[in-house]
Amino acid sequence: MSKKYIINGWSWSMPRPENGILVYHTIRESEFKLMAENAVSCVSHPAIANILDIPCTTNHIRLNVGDTILAVYTKGGKLAHEARALPDHITLEFKCIKILEEL
């Protein structure tokens, strides 16, 4: 059964199937919000979790074929952990990563 996860950053070294096709693309915030419904939060940065109104957790995941990752990045600087809103010079960028199949 495929799963959806929200994370605050993506690393190509994350545990995933040994061989497979990954699709990685930028999405708009509106797309992110629609796709984030029923997703498991693995966002460990408290400010990002607060701004997106999702739980802040330290869940560890292992990706499988069919899973979707919604990654959130800051652009323009780092957020203070206690931030409740984005400063003018920082924006959020959203990526969607899908594991389509194992080769």
C-alpha atoms as a PDB file:
ATOM      1  CA  MET A   1       0.000   0.000   0.000  1.00  0.00           C
ATOM      2  CA  SER A   2       1.496   3.320  -1.043  1.00  0.00           C
ATOM      3  CA  LYS A   3       1.947   6.128   1.469  1.00  0.00           C
ATOM      4  CA  LYS A   4       2.408   9.902   1.400  1.00  0.00           C
ATOM      5  CA  TYR A   5       4.916  11.673   3.613  1.00  0.00           C
ATOM      6  CA  ILE A   6       5.644  15.348   4.246  1.00  0.00           C
ATOM      7  CA  ILE A   7       9.292  16.107   4.973  1.00  0.00           C
ATOM      8  CA  ASN A   8      11.396  19.238   5.350  1.00  0.00           C
ATOM      9  CA  GLY A   9      14.179  18.323   2.993  1.00  0.00           C
ATOM     10  CA  TRP A  10      15.142  15.481   0.705  1.00  0.00           C
ATOM     11  CA  SER A  11      18.388  13.579   0.481  1.00  0.00           C
ATOM     12  CA  TRP A  12      19.220  11.105  -2.252  1.00  0.00           C
ATOM     13  CA  SER A  13      20.711   8.926   0.499  1.00  0.00           C
ATOM     14  CA  MET A  14      17.305   8.370   2.146  1.00  0.00           C
ATOM     15  CA  PRO A  15      16.416   4.674   2.466  1.00  0.00           C
ATOM     16  CA  ARG A  16      14.464   3.627  -0.630  1.00  0.00           C
ATOM     17  CA  PRO A  17      14.301   0.685  -3.044  1.00  0.00           C
ATOM     18  CA  GLU A  18      17.753  -0.230  -4.380  1.00  0.00           C
ATOM     19  CA  ASN A  19      16.775   0.329  -8.022  1.00  0.00           C
ATOM     20  CA  GLY A  20      13.857   2.327  -9.248  1.00  0.00           C
ATOM     21  CA  ILE A  21      12.527   5.309 -11.061  1.00  0.00           C
ATOM     22  CA  LEU A  22      12.121   8.493  -9.039  1.00  0.00           C
ATOM     23  CA  VAL A  23      10.160  11.438 -10.396  1.00  0.00           C
ATOM     24  CA  TYR A  24      11.061  14.775  -8.791  1.00  0.00           C
ATOM     25  CA  HIS A  25       9.388  18.075  -9.607  1.00  0.00           C
ATOM     26  CA  THR A  26       8.407  21.447  -8.161  1.00  0.00           C
ATOM     27  CA  ILE A  27       4.772  21.980  -7.203  1.00  0.00           C
ATOM     28  CA  ARG A  28       2.787  25.063  -6.192  1.00  0.00           C
ATOM     29  CA  GLU A  29       1.674  25.592  -2.601  1.00  0.00           C
ATOM     30  CA  SER A  30      -1.947  25.009  -3.630  1.00  0.00           C
ATOM     31  CA  GLU A  31      -0.986  21.615  -5.114  1.00  0.00           C
ATOM     32  CA  PHE A  32       0.979  20.801  -1.972  1.00  0.00           C
ATOM     33  CA  LYS A  33      -2.035  21.531   0.237  1.00  0.00           C
ATOM     34  CA  LEU A  34      -4.271  19.249  -1.825  1.00  0.00           C
ATOM     35  CA  MET A  35      -1.696  16.467  -1.951  1.00  0.00           C
ATOM     36  CA  ALA A  36      -0.877  16.790   1.776  1.00  0.00           C
ATOM     37  CA  GLU A  37      -4.300  15.556   2.856  1.00  0.00           C
ATOM     38  CA  ASN A  38      -3.896  12.263   4.737  1.00  0.00           C
ATOM     39  CA  ALA A  39      -0.108  12.439   4.466  1.00  0.00           C
ATOM     40  CA  VAL A  40       2.122  11.436   7.383  1.00  0.00           C
ATOM     41  CA  SER A  41       4.105  14.371   8.747  1.00  0.00           C
ATOM     42  CA  CYS A  42       7.826  13.747   9.131  1.00  0.00           C
ATOM     43  CA  VAL A  43       8.581  17.472   9.438  1.00  0.00           C
ATOM     44  CA  SER A  44      11.161  17.943  12.182  1.00  0.00           C
ATOM     45  CA  HIS A  45      11.548  21.735  11.952  1.00  0.00           C
ATOM     46  CA  PRO A  46       9.081  23.353  14.388  1.00  0.00           C
ATOM     47  CA  ALA A  47       8.710  26.600  12.422  1.00  0.00           C
ATOM     48  CA  ILE A  48       7.902  24.833   9.152  1.00  0.00           C
ATOM     49  CA  ALA A  49       5.393  22.630  10.986  1.00  0.00           C
ATOM     50  CA  ASN A  50       3.795  25.715  12.591  1.00  0.00           C
ATOM     51  CA  ILE A  51       3.565  27.628   9.322  1.00  0.00           C
ATOM     52  CA  LEU A  52       2.028  24.651   7.505  1.00  0.00           C
ATOM     53  CA  ASP A  53      -0.173  23.773  10.508  1.00  0.00           C
ATOM     54  CA  ILE A  54       1.014  20.152  10.605  1.00  0.00           C
ATOM     55  CA  PRO A  55       2.555  18.078  13.412  1.00  0.00           C
ATOM     56  CA  CYS A  56       6.265  18.415  14.127  1.00  0.00           C
ATOM     57  CA  THR A  57       7.710  14.914  14.459  1.00  0.00           C
ATOM     58  CA  THR A  58      10.901  12.940  14.140  1.00  0.00           C
ATOM     59  CA  ASN A  59       9.325   9.992  12.322  1.00  0.00           C
ATOM     60  CA  HIS A  60      11.773   7.837  10.393  1.00  0.00           C
ATOM     61  CA  ILE A  61      10.585   6.313   7.162  1.00  0.00           C
ATOM     62  CA  ARG A  62      11.655   3.755   4.615  1.00  0.00           C
ATOM     63  CA  LEU A  63      10.390   4.500   1.144  1.00  0.00           C
ATOM     64  CA  ASN A  64       8.743   1.877  -1.019  1.00  0.00           C
ATOM     65  CA  VAL A  65       7.557   1.698  -4.607  1.00  0.00           C
ATOM     66  CA  GLY A  66       4.393   3.775  -4.955  1.00  0.00           C
ATOM     67  CA  ASP A  67       5.204   6.169  -2.095  1.00  0.00           C
ATOM     68  CA  THR A  68       5.004   9.938  -2.511  1.00  0.00           C
ATOM     69  CA  ILE A  69       7.177  12.464  -0.712  1.00  0.00           C
ATOM     70  CA  LEU A  70       6.119  16.073  -0.349  1.00  0.00           C
ATOM     71  CA  ALA A  71       9.279  17.979   0.509  1.00  0.00           C
ATOM     72  CA  VAL A  72       9.264  21.532   1.860  1.00  0.00           C
ATOM     73  CA  TYR A  73      12.337  23.759   1.606  1.00  0.00           C
ATOM     74  CA  THR A  74      13.078  27.280   2.733  1.00  0.00           C
ATOM     75  CA  LYS A  75      14.399  29.626   0.087  1.00  0.00           C
ATOM     76  CA  GLY A  76      16.232  32.802   1.062  1.00  0.00           C
ATOM     77  CA  GLY A  77      17.589  31.770   4.444  1.00  0.00           C
ATOM     78  CA  LYS A  78      16.993  29.690   7.531  1.00  0.00           C
ATOM     79  CA  LEU A  79      13.947  29.954   9.745  1.00  0.00           C
ATOM     80  CA  ALA A  80      14.288  30.452  13.473  1.00  0.00           C
ATOM     81  CA  HIS A  81      12.841  27.432  15.280  1.00  0.00           C
ATOM     82  CA  GLU A  82      10.332  29.621  17.107  1.00  0.00           C
ATOM     83  CA  ALA A  83       9.036  31.389  13.945  1.00  0.00           C
ATOM     84  CA  ARG A  84       5.256  31.419  13.481  1.00  0.00           C
ATOM     85  CA  ALA A  85       5.286  33.155  10.089  1.00  0.00           C
ATOM     86  CA  LEU A  86       7.678  33.579   7.184  1.00  0.00           C
ATOM     87  CA  PRO A  87       9.913  36.658   7.251  1.00  0.00           C
ATOM     88  CA  ASP A  88       9.704  38.795   4.100  1.00  0.00           C
ATOM     89  CA  HIS A  89      13.003  37.468   2.703  1.00  0.00           C
ATOM     90  CA  ILE A  90      12.137  33.747   3.062  1.00  0.00           C
ATOM     91  CA  THR A  91       9.714  31.701   0.976  1.00  0.00           C
ATOM     92  CA  LEU A  92       8.763  28.048   0.986  1.00  0.00           C
ATOM     93  CA  GLU A  93       9.428  25.815  -1.991  1.00  0.00           C
ATOM     94  CA  PHE A  94       7.562  22.554  -2.495  1.00  0.00           C
ATOM     95  CA  LYS A  95       8.739  19.414  -4.281  1.00  0.00           C
ATOM     96  CA  CYS A  96       6.945  16.183  -5.071  1.00  0.00           C
ATOM     97  CA  ILE A  97       9.015  13.000  -5.279  1.00  0.00           C
ATOM     98  CA  LYS A  98       7.361   9.775  -6.405  1.00  0.00           C
ATOM     99  CA  ILE A  99       8.844   6.310  -6.501  1.00  0.00           C
ATOM    100  CA  LEU A 100       7.216   4.845  -9.574  1.00  0.00           C
ATOM    101  CA  GLU A 101       8.682   1.379  -9.904  1.00  0.00           C
ATOM    102  CA  GLU A 102      11.557  -0.818  -8.960  1.00  0.00           C
ATOM    103  CA  LEU A 103      13.840  -1.918 -11.791  1.00  0.00           C
END
